[in-house]
């Protein structure tokens, strides 16, 4: 089973070394590239004011965070949720930088970049020379982001999950998953559509003479041959 966590944060500013803090974490779980429905979402009291220029970006004010938990109060739940899963992040250096600053502050192990997939880097390789912001990628892949009037960690994670699946294969990935589900006897409800069972099997195309010749050939093989094991 492949477990991935699509992750985003909102902050009070651009640099934790300048005293800025995380104020929101949003995570969406993917299992074998399919959203599982499991999510992690917390607003966090940064123990400082949120600058007006930051509020203009994400709409989260100092007053809104006054009764929210501190990072130390949510960190264990966050770490339990992400576990050892691969992390999918857009412009990962920014979010990981803030998360590791916060983790170090509360004496938790930091996150390493070897478990991170940066979707911004993926997009730049795939669409070199084109805009690769989250909004631009939603537009390119026709993903509805009309609810994104301002930045928000959970909403952005949900949108990024869709963008990520397009970046790694999109419809082809879903088709493979649909076929796999269909082979197990379940119906796919994804864009690839379900598999249709034939009411009657097709007639064999192998002639009787060809089948007899094949059976005669199998008899000439040793007892340990793969063909004999299959035939038996």
Foldseek 3Di string as FASTA:
>chain_A
DAKEKEKDWAKLDQAVVVVIATFKIKIFIDDLLHTPPDIDIFGAQSVDFRDPVSCVAAVQGNVNHPPGHHCLVCVVVVCVVRPLHQYEYAVVVRVLNRQQVVCVVNPHDGDDCVSYDHVNVLCCVVPPPDDDDLVRLCVVVVNDPVVPPHDDTHSSSVSVSQSVCVSVPHPVSVLVVQVVCVVVPDFDPDPNGGDDDDPDDDDDPDDPVNVVVVVVVVVVDDPPDPVNVVVD
